[in-house]
Amino acid sequence: MAFIRKFKTGSDATGVQVCYKEQGKVVKTVHIGSAKTEQGIEKLLKKAQAVIDQDKVPLFSLENFDRKNKK
């Protein structure tokens, strides 16, 4: 399971990490970056979500739903 962690750094910025848990323990942490502005933090959160999403496998393919349009 992966989740996004936000925290305050020593320089008063907000850090963003992606943490991976197995059996209730954090086993891997990927540092995404740190920012001091809201816009910067939002960009980091989107990047962190993209890191999480790249490991996901879709449940189904949308190509199967476009059969009507292909004929």
Protein backbone atom coordinates (compact mmCIF):
# COMPACT_ATOMS: atom_id res chain seq x y z
CA MET A 1 0.00 0.00 0.00
CA ALA A 2 1.32 3.44 -0.88
CA PHE A 3 0.42 6.79 0.60
CA ILE A 4 1.55 10.42 0.38
CA ARG A 5 3.22 11.97 3.42
CA LYS A 6 3.55 15.73 3.96
CA PHE A 7 5.86 17.10 6.65
CA LYS A 8 7.64 20.28 7.73
CA THR A 9 11.35 20.53 6.96
CA GLY A 10 14.02 22.29 9.01
CA SER A 11 13.87 25.26 6.63
CA ASP A 12 10.12 25.65 7.27
CA ALA A 13 9.19 24.24 3.85
CA THR A 14 6.73 21.40 3.32
CA GLY A 15 8.23 18.11 2.18
CA VAL A 16 6.35 15.47 0.20
CA GLN A 17 7.17 11.76 0.19
CA VAL A 18 5.58 8.60 -1.14
CA CYS A 19 5.70 5.86 1.50
CA TYR A 20 5.08 2.16 0.91
CA LYS A 21 3.73 -0.03 3.73
CA GLU A 22 3.77 -3.79 4.12
CA GLN A 23 2.20 -5.49 7.13
CA GLY A 24 1.76 -2.14 8.88
CA LYS A 25 5.41 -1.04 8.54
CA VAL A 26 6.93 1.50 6.17
CA VAL A 27 9.34 -0.43 3.95
CA LYS A 28 10.22 2.18 1.32
CA THR A 29 10.16 5.97 1.13
CA VAL A 30 10.59 8.05 -2.03
CA HIS A 31 11.29 11.74 -1.50
CA ILE A 32 9.42 13.81 -4.11
CA GLY A 33 10.63 17.26 -3.05
CA SER A 34 9.91 20.26 -0.86
CA ALA A 35 8.31 23.65 -1.46
CA LYS A 36 7.33 26.77 0.46
CA THR A 37 4.41 27.98 -1.67
CA GLU A 38 0.96 26.46 -2.03
CA GLN A 39 1.43 26.19 -5.80
CA GLY A 40 4.71 24.33 -5.31
CA ILE A 41 3.16 21.96 -2.79
CA GLU A 42 0.25 21.24 -5.17
CA LYS A 43 2.71 20.37 -7.96
CA LEU A 44 4.59 18.01 -5.64
CA LEU A 45 1.35 16.33 -4.55
CA LYS A 46 0.37 15.75 -8.20
CA LYS A 47 3.81 14.33 -8.92
CA ALA A 48 3.54 12.04 -5.87
CA GLN A 49 0.13 10.80 -7.04
CA ALA A 50 1.61 10.09 -10.47
CA VAL A 51 4.35 8.00 -8.82
CA ILE A 52 1.69 5.97 -7.00
CA ASP A 53 -0.47 5.60 -10.12
CA GLN A 54 2.37 4.31 -12.32
CA ASP A 55 2.44 1.09 -10.28
CA LYS A 56 -1.29 0.46 -10.62
CA VAL A 57 -2.77 -1.95 -13.14
CA PRO A 58 -6.16 -0.98 -14.64
CA LEU A 59 -9.06 -3.27 -13.82
CA PHE A 60 -10.37 -3.17 -17.37
CA SER A 61 -9.52 -1.74 -20.78
CA LEU A 62 -11.62 1.08 -22.21
CA GLU A 63 -10.96 -0.28 -25.72
CA ASN A 64 -13.68 -2.90 -25.13
CA PHE A 65 -16.28 -0.15 -24.67
CA ASP A 66 -15.49 1.54 -27.99
CA ARG A 67 -16.65 -1.37 -30.16
CA LYS A 68 -19.72 0.56 -31.34
CA ASN A 69 -17.53 3.36 -32.70
CA LYS A 70 -15.13 1.04 -34.54
CA LYS A 71 -17.76 -0.60 -36.78
